């Protein structure tokens, strides 16, 4: 499962294999997160989840099996802080 910092799958900021628990992958060198604008789940077995809080808190968005979004809604965009790739939200 991959997450990009810009629309249209530009500026890759996270790439995690499916089946993993919560990871805080969105913190940059300055401790800033909340940068996700597009995502893709290529797994045929697992849903993923993007969280608006660190350590898997505050469920935000389920990444359905074999799905993608090249332009996240303004209500979800730039809010992601952590992700999980072993089940949905």
PDB file of N, CA and C in Angstrom:
ATOM      1  N   UNK A   1       0.842  -1.155   0.000  1.00  0.00           N
ATOM      2  CA  UNK A   1       0.000   0.000   0.000  1.00  0.00           C
ATOM      3  C   UNK A   1       0.894   1.226   0.000  1.00  0.00           C
ATOM      4  N   UNK A   2       0.544   2.167  -0.853  1.00  0.00           N
ATOM      5  CA  UNK A   2       1.367   3.359  -1.021  1.00  0.00           C
ATOM      6  C   UNK A   2       0.540   4.614  -0.803  1.00  0.00           C
ATOM      7  N   UNK A   3       1.201   5.636  -0.283  1.00  0.00           N
ATOM      8  CA  UNK A   3       0.569   6.932  -0.064  1.00  0.00           C
ATOM      9  C   UNK A   3       1.498   8.004  -0.611  1.00  0.00           C
ATOM     10  N   UNK A   4       0.909   8.962  -1.315  1.00  0.00           N
ATOM     11  CA  UNK A   4       1.676  10.055  -1.911  1.00  0.00           C
ATOM     12  C   UNK A   4       1.281  11.384  -1.281  1.00  0.00           C
ATOM     13  N   UNK A   5       2.213  12.316  -1.271  1.00  0.00           N
ATOM     14  CA  UNK A   5       1.994  13.631  -0.682  1.00  0.00           C
ATOM     15  C   UNK A   5       1.270  14.604  -1.588  1.00  0.00           C
ATOM     16  N   UNK A   6       1.142  14.259  -2.858  1.00  0.00           N
ATOM     17  CA  UNK A   6       0.426  15.105  -3.813  1.00  0.00           C
ATOM     18  C   UNK A   6      -0.603  14.273  -4.567  1.00  0.00           C
ATOM     19  N   UNK A   7      -1.531  14.956  -5.199  1.00  0.00           N
ATOM     20  CA  UNK A   7      -2.516  14.282  -6.036  1.00  0.00           C
ATOM     21  C   UNK A   7      -1.830  13.569  -7.193  1.00  0.00           C
ATOM     22  N   UNK A   8      -2.556  12.670  -7.833  1.00  0.00           N
ATOM     23  CA  UNK A   8      -2.082  11.961  -9.027  1.00  0.00           C
ATOM     24  C   UNK A   8      -0.826  11.142  -8.772  1.00  0.00           C
ATOM     25  N   UNK A   9      -0.703  10.594  -7.554  1.00  0.00           N
ATOM     26  CA  UNK A   9       0.386   9.668  -7.221  1.00  0.00           C
ATOM     27  C   UNK A   9       1.766  10.284  -7.410  1.00  0.00           C
ATOM     28  N   UNK A  10       1.938  11.497  -6.927  1.00  0.00           N
ATOM     29  CA  UNK A  10       3.232  12.183  -6.993  1.00  0.00           C
ATOM     30  C   UNK A  10       3.757  12.408  -5.577  1.00  0.00           C
ATOM     31  N   UNK A  11       5.064  12.323  -5.396  1.00  0.00           N
ATOM     32  CA  UNK A  11       5.760  12.514  -4.132  1.00  0.00           C
ATOM     33  C   UNK A  11       5.433  11.375  -3.147  1.00  0.00           C
ATOM     34  N   UNK A  12       5.958  10.191  -3.427  1.00  0.00           N
ATOM     35  CA  UNK A  12       5.745   9.019  -2.577  1.00  0.00           C
ATOM     36  C   UNK A  12       6.251   9.294  -1.164  1.00  0.00           C
ATOM     37  N   UNK A  13       5.380   9.095  -0.168  1.00  0.00           N
ATOM     38  CA  UNK A  13       5.789   9.326   1.222  1.00  0.00           C
ATOM     39  C   UNK A  13       5.689   8.067   2.075  1.00  0.00           C
ATOM     40  N   UNK A  14       5.011   7.019   1.583  1.00  0.00           N
ATOM     41  CA  UNK A  14       4.917   5.773   2.346  1.00  0.00           C
ATOM     42  C   UNK A  14       4.647   4.612   1.405  1.00  0.00           C
ATOM     43  N   UNK A  15       5.351   3.512   1.628  1.00  0.00           N
ATOM     44  CA  UNK A  15       5.119   2.267   0.891  1.00  0.00           C
ATOM     45  C   UNK A  15       5.274   1.132   1.890  1.00  0.00           C
ATOM     46  N   UNK A  16       4.182   0.474   2.222  1.00  0.00           N
ATOM     47  CA  UNK A  16       4.194  -0.593   3.214  1.00  0.00           C
ATOM     48  C   UNK A  16       3.612  -1.870   2.617  1.00  0.00           C
ATOM     49  N   UNK A  17       4.245  -2.991   2.905  1.00  0.00           N
ATOM     50  CA  UNK A  17       3.708  -4.282   2.478  1.00  0.00           C
ATOM     51  C   UNK A  17       2.393  -4.535   3.204  1.00  0.00           C
ATOM     52  N   UNK A  18       1.493  -5.278   2.560  1.00  0.00           N
ATOM     53  CA  UNK A  18       0.230  -5.584   3.224  1.00  0.00           C
ATOM     54  C   UNK A  18       0.468  -6.564   4.372  1.00  0.00           C
ATOM     55  N   UNK A  19      -0.470  -6.591   5.313  1.00  0.00           N
ATOM     56  CA  UNK A  19      -0.375  -7.483   6.455  1.00  0.00           C
ATOM     57  C   UNK A  19       0.376  -6.928   7.648  1.00  0.00           C
ATOM     58  N   UNK A  20       0.738  -5.652   7.647  1.00  0.00           N
ATOM     59  CA  UNK A  20       1.474  -5.045   8.761  1.00  0.00           C
ATOM     60  C   UNK A  20       0.537  -4.296   9.698  1.00  0.00           C
ATOM     61  N   UNK A  21       0.943  -4.211  10.948  1.00  0.00           N
ATOM     62  CA  UNK A  21       0.192  -3.448  11.932  1.00  0.00           C
ATOM     63  C   UNK A  21       0.423  -1.959  11.751  1.00  0.00           C
ATOM     64  N   UNK A  22       0.079  -1.194  12.761  1.00  0.00           N
ATOM     65  CA  UNK A  22       0.167   0.267  12.701  1.00  0.00           C
ATOM     66  C   UNK A  22       1.621   0.723  12.602  1.00  0.00           C
ATOM     67  N   UNK A  23       1.878   1.636  11.697  1.00  0.00           N
ATOM     68  CA  UNK A  23       3.182   2.270  11.562  1.00  0.00           C
ATOM     69  C   UNK A  23       2.985   3.772  11.394  1.00  0.00           C
ATOM     70  N   UNK A  24       3.853   4.544  12.026  1.00  0.00           N
ATOM     71  CA  UNK A  24       3.842   5.999  11.877  1.00  0.00           C
ATOM     72  C   UNK A  24       4.863   6.349  10.808  1.00  0.00           C
ATOM     73  N   UNK A  25       4.422   6.367   9.580  1.00  0.00           N
ATOM     74  CA  UNK A  25       5.357   6.549   8.460  1.00  0.00           C
ATOM     75  C   UNK A  25       5.340   7.953   7.882  1.00  0.00           C
ATOM     76  N   UNK A  26       4.517   8.816   8.401  1.00  0.00           N
ATOM     77  CA  UNK A  26       4.323  10.109   7.765  1.00  0.00           C
ATOM     78  C   UNK A  26       5.074  11.253   8.414  1.00  0.00           C
ATOM     79  N   UNK A  27       5.883  10.990   9.421  1.00  0.00           N
ATOM     80  CA  UNK A  27       6.617  12.063  10.081  1.00  0.00           C
ATOM     81  C   UNK A  27       7.909  12.346   9.333  1.00  0.00           C
ATOM     82  N   UNK A  28       8.077  13.561   8.879  1.00  0.00           N
ATOM     83  CA  UNK A  28       9.306  13.912   8.167  1.00  0.00           C
ATOM     84  C   UNK A  28      10.388  14.335   9.168  1.00  0.00           C
ATOM     85  N   UNK A  29      11.503  14.794   8.692  1.00  0.00           N
ATOM     86  CA  UNK A  29      12.631  15.160   9.556  1.00  0.00           C
ATOM     87  C   UNK A  29      12.280  16.267  10.544  1.00  0.00           C
ATOM     88  N   UNK A  30      11.268  17.059  10.218  1.00  0.00           N
ATOM     89  CA  UNK A  30      10.846  18.149  11.100  1.00  0.00           C
ATOM     90  C   UNK A  30       9.716  17.737  12.037  1.00  0.00           C
ATOM     91  N   UNK A  31       9.345  16.454  12.020  1.00  0.00           N
ATOM     92  CA  UNK A  31       8.258  15.982  12.859  1.00  0.00           C
ATOM     93  C   UNK A  31       6.887  16.330  12.321  1.00  0.00           C
ATOM     94  N   UNK A  32       6.824  16.719  11.057  1.00  0.00           N
ATOM     95  CA  UNK A  32       5.544  17.091  10.460  1.00  0.00           C
ATOM     96  C   UNK A  32       4.914  15.878   9.782  1.00  0.00           C
ATOM     97  N   UNK A  33       3.608  15.791   9.876  1.00  0.00           N
ATOM     98  CA  UNK A  33       2.891  14.730   9.196  1.00  0.00           C
ATOM     99  C   UNK A  33       1.722  15.356   8.446  1.00  0.00           C
ATOM    100  N   UNK A  34       0.651  14.623   8.273  1.00  0.00           N
ATOM    101  CA  UNK A  34      -0.544  15.164   7.616  1.00  0.00           C
ATOM    102  C   UNK A  34      -0.266  15.629   6.189  1.00  0.00           C
ATOM    103  N   UNK A  35       0.330  14.758   5.391  1.00  0.00           N
ATOM    104  CA  UNK A  35       0.708  15.163   4.047  1.00  0.00           C
ATOM    105  C   UNK A  35       0.057  14.342   2.930  1.00  0.00           C
ATOM    106  N   UNK A  36      -0.809  13.403   3.228  1.00  0.00           N
ATOM    107  CA  UNK A  36      -1.325  12.480   2.211  1.00  0.00           C
ATOM    108  C   UNK A  36      -2.381  13.116   1.312  1.00  0.00           C
ATOM    109  N   UNK A  37      -2.228  12.927   0.002  1.00  0.00           N
ATOM    110  CA  UNK A  37      -3.213  13.420  -0.968  1.00  0.00           C
ATOM    111  C   UNK A  37      -3.695  12.358  -1.951  1.00  0.00           C
ATOM    112  N   UNK A  38      -2.985  11.241  -2.087  1.00  0.00           N
ATOM    113  CA  UNK A  38      -3.446  10.139  -2.937  1.00  0.00           C
ATOM    114  C   UNK A  38      -2.897   8.830  -2.376  1.00  0.00           C
ATOM    115  N   UNK A  39      -3.577   7.717  -2.685  1.00  0.00           N
ATOM    116  CA  UNK A  39      -3.157   6.420  -2.160  1.00  0.00           C
ATOM    117  C   UNK A  39      -3.552   5.304  -3.118  1.00  0.00           C
ATOM    118  N   UNK A  40      -2.922   4.137  -2.930  1.00  0.00           N
ATOM    119  CA  UNK A  40      -3.245   2.954  -3.720  1.00  0.00           C
ATOM    120  C   UNK A  40      -3.028   1.711  -2.864  1.00  0.00           C
ATOM    121  N   UNK A  41      -3.995   0.807  -2.899  1.00  0.00           N
ATOM    122  CA  UNK A  41      -3.892  -0.484  -2.229  1.00  0.00           C
ATOM    123  C   UNK A  41      -3.913  -1.563  -3.303  1.00  0.00           C
ATOM    124  N   UNK A  42      -2.777  -2.194  -3.559  1.00  0.00           N
ATOM    125  CA  UNK A  42      -2.684  -3.223  -4.591  1.00  0.00           C
ATOM    126  C   UNK A  42      -2.939  -4.620  -4.039  1.00  0.00           C
ATOM    127  N   UNK A  43      -3.230  -4.727  -2.757  1.00  0.00           N
ATOM    128  CA  UNK A  43      -3.462  -6.025  -2.128  1.00  0.00           C
ATOM    129  C   UNK A  43      -4.817  -6.599  -2.532  1.00  0.00           C
ATOM    130  N   UNK A  44      -4.848  -7.885  -2.773  1.00  0.00           N
ATOM    131  CA  UNK A  44      -6.105  -8.585  -3.028  1.00  0.00           C
ATOM    132  C   UNK A  44      -6.609  -9.290  -1.776  1.00  0.00           C
ATOM    133  N   UNK A  45      -5.903  -9.123  -0.660  1.00  0.00           N
ATOM    134  CA  UNK A  45      -6.247  -9.825   0.570  1.00  0.00           C
ATOM    135  C   UNK A  45      -6.575  -8.917   1.751  1.00  0.00           C
ATOM    136  N   UNK A  46      -6.012  -7.730   1.791  1.00  0.00           N
ATOM    137  CA  UNK A  46      -6.133  -6.874   2.970  1.00  0.00           C
ATOM    138  C   UNK A  46      -6.672  -5.487   2.631  1.00  0.00           C
ATOM    139  N   UNK A  47      -7.509  -4.975   3.543  1.00  0.00           N
ATOM    140  CA  UNK A  47      -7.862  -3.561   3.527  1.00  0.00           C
ATOM    141  C   UNK A  47      -6.796  -2.829   4.330  1.00  0.00           C
ATOM    142  N   UNK A  48      -6.637  -1.561   4.069  1.00  0.00           N
ATOM    143  CA  UNK A  48      -5.724  -0.746   4.858  1.00  0.00           C
ATOM    144  C   UNK A  48      -6.488   0.381   5.520  1.00  0.00           C
ATOM    145  N   UNK A  49      -5.830   1.073   6.411  1.00  0.00           N
ATOM    146  CA  UNK A  49      -6.459   2.203   7.077  1.00  0.00           C
ATOM    147  C   UNK A  49      -5.458   3.336   7.221  1.00  0.00           C
ATOM    148  N   UNK A  50      -5.901   4.536   6.918  1.00  0.00           N
ATOM    149  CA  UNK A  50      -5.125   5.745   7.176  1.00  0.00           C
ATOM    150  C   UNK A  50      -5.749   6.411   8.399  1.00  0.00           C
ATOM    151  N   UNK A  51      -4.919   6.779   9.363  1.00  0.00           N
ATOM    152  CA  UNK A  51      -5.400   7.392  10.600  1.00  0.00           C
ATOM    153  C   UNK A  51      -5.017   8.859  10.660  1.00  0.00           C
ATOM    154  N   UNK A  52      -5.876   9.651  11.293  1.00  0.00           N
ATOM    155  CA  UNK A  52      -5.556  11.068  11.445  1.00  0.00           C
ATOM    156  C   UNK A  52      -4.738  11.336  12.703  1.00  0.00           C
ATOM    157  N   UNK A  53      -4.516  10.316  13.525  1.00  0.00           N
ATOM    158  CA  UNK A  53      -3.666  10.449  14.701  1.00  0.00           C
ATOM    159  C   UNK A  53      -2.475   9.507  14.626  1.00  0.00           C
ATOM    160  N   UNK A  54      -1.473   9.786  15.410  1.00  0.00           N
ATOM    161  CA  UNK A  54      -0.304   8.907  15.454  1.00  0.00           C
ATOM    162  C   UNK A  54      -0.642   7.619  16.189  1.00  0.00           C
ATOM    163  N   UNK A  55       0.129   6.588  15.938  1.00  0.00           N
ATOM    164  CA  UNK A  55      -0.022   5.284  16.593  1.00  0.00           C
ATOM    165  C   UNK A  55      -1.388   4.652  16.357  1.00  0.00           C
ATOM    166  N   UNK A  56      -1.988   4.913  15.199  1.00  0.00           N
ATOM    167  CA  UNK A  56      -3.244   4.268  14.846  1.00  0.00           C
ATOM    168  C   UNK A  56      -4.447   4.773  15.600  1.00  0.00           C
ATOM    169  N   UNK A  57      -4.458   6.033  15.947  1.00  0.00           N
ATOM    170  CA  UNK A  57      -5.604   6.603  16.652  1.00  0.00           C
ATOM    171  C   UNK A  57      -6.425   7.461  15.701  1.00  0.00           C
ATOM    172  N   UNK A  58      -7.721   7.544  15.974  1.00  0.00           N
ATOM    173  CA  UNK A  58      -8.600   8.383  15.174  1.00  0.00           C
ATOM    174  C   UNK A  58      -8.750   7.905  13.745  1.00  0.00           C
ATOM    175  N   UNK A  59      -9.465   6.811  13.527  1.00  0.00           N
ATOM    176  CA  UNK A  59      -9.627   6.262  12.182  1.00  0.00           C
ATOM    177  C   UNK A  59     -10.097   7.329  11.203  1.00  0.00           C
ATOM    178  N   UNK A  60      -9.536   7.293  10.020  1.00  0.00           N
ATOM    179  CA  UNK A  60      -9.840   8.316   9.029  1.00  0.00           C
ATOM    180  C   UNK A  60     -10.432   7.725   7.762  1.00  0.00           C
ATOM    181  N   UNK A  61      -9.729   6.777   7.158  1.00  0.00           N
ATOM    182  CA  UNK A  61     -10.114   6.335   5.829  1.00  0.00           C
ATOM    183  C   UNK A  61      -9.703   4.889   5.601  1.00  0.00           C
ATOM    184  N   UNK A  62     -10.643   4.062   5.150  1.00  0.00           N
ATOM    185  CA  UNK A  62     -10.317   2.687   4.785  1.00  0.00           C
ATOM    186  C   UNK A  62      -9.870   2.639   3.337  1.00  0.00           C
ATOM    187  N   UNK A  63      -8.736   1.983   3.106  1.00  0.00           N
ATOM    188  CA  UNK A  63      -8.259   1.735   1.747  1.00  0.00           C
ATOM    189  C   UNK A  63      -8.756   0.345   1.370  1.00  0.00           C
ATOM    190  N   UNK A  64      -9.798   0.289   0.564  1.00  0.00           N
ATOM    191  CA  UNK A  64     -10.404  -0.983   0.203  1.00  0.00           C
ATOM    192  C   UNK A  64      -9.461  -1.891  -0.566  1.00  0.00           C
ATOM    193  N   UNK A  65      -9.791  -3.168  -0.596  1.00  0.00           N
ATOM    194  CA  UNK A  65      -8.996  -4.151  -1.330  1.00  0.00           C
ATOM    195  C   UNK A  65      -8.921  -3.749  -2.796  1.00  0.00           C
ATOM    196  N   UNK A  66      -7.715  -3.777  -3.350  1.00  0.00           N
ATOM    197  CA  UNK A  66      -7.460  -3.478  -4.771  1.00  0.00           C
ATOM    198  C   UNK A  66      -8.130  -2.169  -5.205  1.00  0.00           C
ATOM    199  N   UNK A  67      -7.900  -1.101  -4.439  1.00  0.00           N
ATOM    200  CA  UNK A  67      -8.524   0.184  -4.761  1.00  0.00           C
ATOM    201  C   UNK A  67      -7.486   1.294  -4.718  1.00  0.00           C
ATOM    202  N   UNK A  68      -7.916   2.477  -5.143  1.00  0.00           N
ATOM    203  CA  UNK A  68      -7.012   3.630  -5.187  1.00  0.00           C
ATOM    204  C   UNK A  68      -7.813   4.918  -5.175  1.00  0.00           C
ATOM    205  N   UNK A  69      -7.124   6.001  -4.876  1.00  0.00           N
ATOM    206  CA  UNK A  69      -7.726   7.337  -4.928  1.00  0.00           C
ATOM    207  C   UNK A  69      -6.621   8.314  -5.313  1.00  0.00           C
ATOM    208  N   UNK A  70      -6.745   8.904  -6.481  1.00  0.00           N
ATOM    209  CA  UNK A  70      -5.697   9.804  -6.969  1.00  0.00           C
ATOM    210  C   UNK A  70      -5.858  11.240  -6.493  1.00  0.00           C
ATOM    211  N   UNK A  71      -6.971  11.531  -5.802  1.00  0.00           N
ATOM    212  CA  UNK A  71      -7.219  12.888  -5.320  1.00  0.00           C
ATOM    213  C   UNK A  71      -8.158  12.799  -4.118  1.00  0.00           C
ATOM    214  N   UNK A  72      -7.584  12.673  -2.932  1.00  0.00           N
ATOM    215  CA  UNK A  72      -8.398  12.514  -1.729  1.00  0.00           C
ATOM    216  C   UNK A  72      -9.303  13.723  -1.514  1.00  0.00           C
ATOM    217  N   UNK A  73     -10.457  13.465  -0.959  1.00  0.00           N
ATOM    218  CA  UNK A  73     -11.415  14.516  -0.649  1.00  0.00           C
ATOM    219  C   UNK A  73     -10.774  15.581   0.232  1.00  0.00           C
ATOM    220  N   UNK A  74     -11.231  16.796   0.085  1.00  0.00           N
ATOM    221  CA  UNK A  74     -10.721  17.903   0.892  1.00  0.00           C
ATOM    222  C   UNK A  74     -10.915  17.620   2.385  1.00  0.00           C
ATOM    223  N   UNK A  75     -11.897  16.790   2.723  1.00  0.00           N
ATOM    224  CA  UNK A  75     -12.162  16.465   4.124  1.00  0.00           C
ATOM    225  C   UNK A  75     -11.151  15.456   4.683  1.00  0.00           C
ATOM    226  N   UNK A  76     -10.481  14.686   3.810  1.00  0.00           N
ATOM    227  CA  UNK A  76      -9.496  13.686   4.234  1.00  0.00           C
ATOM    228  C   UNK A  76      -8.065  14.070   3.889  1.00  0.00           C
ATOM    229  N   UNK A  77      -7.900  14.945   2.931  1.00  0.00           N
ATOM    230  CA  UNK A  77      -6.578  15.310   2.431  1.00  0.00           C
ATOM    231  C   UNK A  77      -5.725  15.970   3.511  1.00  0.00           C
ATOM    232  N   UNK A  78      -4.443  15.643   3.506  1.00  0.00           N
ATOM    233  CA  UNK A  78      -3.463  16.260   4.407  1.00  0.00           C
ATOM    234  C   UNK A  78      -3.792  16.093   5.885  1.00  0.00           C
ATOM    235  N   UNK A  79      -4.387  14.955   6.249  1.00  0.00           N
ATOM    236  CA  UNK A  79      -4.684  14.698   7.653  1.00  0.00           C
ATOM    237  C   UNK A  79      -4.015  13.434   8.181  1.00  0.00           C
ATOM    238  N   UNK A  80      -3.476  12.591   7.314  1.00  0.00           N
ATOM    239  CA  UNK A  80      -2.981  11.279   7.718  1.00  0.00           C
ATOM    240  C   UNK A  80      -1.689  11.357   8.524  1.00  0.00           C
ATOM    241  N   UNK A  81      -1.654  10.630   9.643  1.00  0.00           N
ATOM    242  CA  UNK A  81      -0.468  10.579  10.492  1.00  0.00           C
ATOM    243  C   UNK A  81       0.117   9.173  10.619  1.00  0.00           C
ATOM    244  N   UNK A  82      -0.712   8.141  10.479  1.00  0.00           N
ATOM    245  CA  UNK A  82      -0.228   6.766  10.575  1.00  0.00           C
ATOM    246  C   UNK A  82      -1.105   5.867   9.711  1.00  0.00           C
ATOM    247  N   UNK A  83      -0.632   4.622   9.495  1.00  0.00           N
ATOM    248  CA  UNK A  83      -1.395   3.694   8.666  1.00  0.00           C
ATOM    249  C   UNK A  83      -1.245   2.270   9.180  1.00  0.00           C
ATOM    250  N   UNK A  84      -2.183   1.426   8.764  1.00  0.00           N
ATOM    251  CA  UNK A  84      -2.158  -0.001   9.081  1.00  0.00           C
ATOM    252  C   UNK A  84      -2.506  -0.735   7.796  1.00  0.00           C
ATOM    253  N   UNK A  85      -1.847  -1.865   7.538  1.00  0.00           N
ATOM    254  CA  UNK A  85      -2.092  -2.571   6.281  1.00  0.00           C
ATOM    255  C   UNK A  85      -2.573  -4.002   6.483  1.00  0.00           C
ATOM    256  N   UNK A  86      -3.065  -4.321   7.687  1.00  0.00           N
ATOM    257  CA  UNK A  86      -3.532  -5.681   7.912  1.00  0.00           C
ATOM    258  C   UNK A  86      -5.034  -5.807   8.098  1.00  0.00           C
ATOM    259  N   UNK A  87      -5.753  -4.728   8.145  1.00  0.00           N
ATOM    260  CA  UNK A  87      -7.217  -4.731   8.184  1.00  0.00           C
ATOM    261  C   UNK A  87      -7.695  -3.299   8.039  1.00  0.00           C
ATOM    262  N   UNK A  88      -8.955  -3.130   7.766  1.00  0.00           N
ATOM    263  CA  UNK A  88      -9.489  -1.784   7.577  1.00  0.00           C
ATOM    264  C   UNK A  88      -9.647  -1.044   8.892  1.00  0.00           C
ATOM    265  N   UNK A  89     -10.326   0.075   8.832  1.00  0.00           N
ATOM    266  CA  UNK A  89     -10.511   0.923  10.009  1.00  0.00           C
ATOM    267  C   UNK A  89     -11.553   0.340  10.952  1.00  0.00           C
TER     268      UNK A  89
END
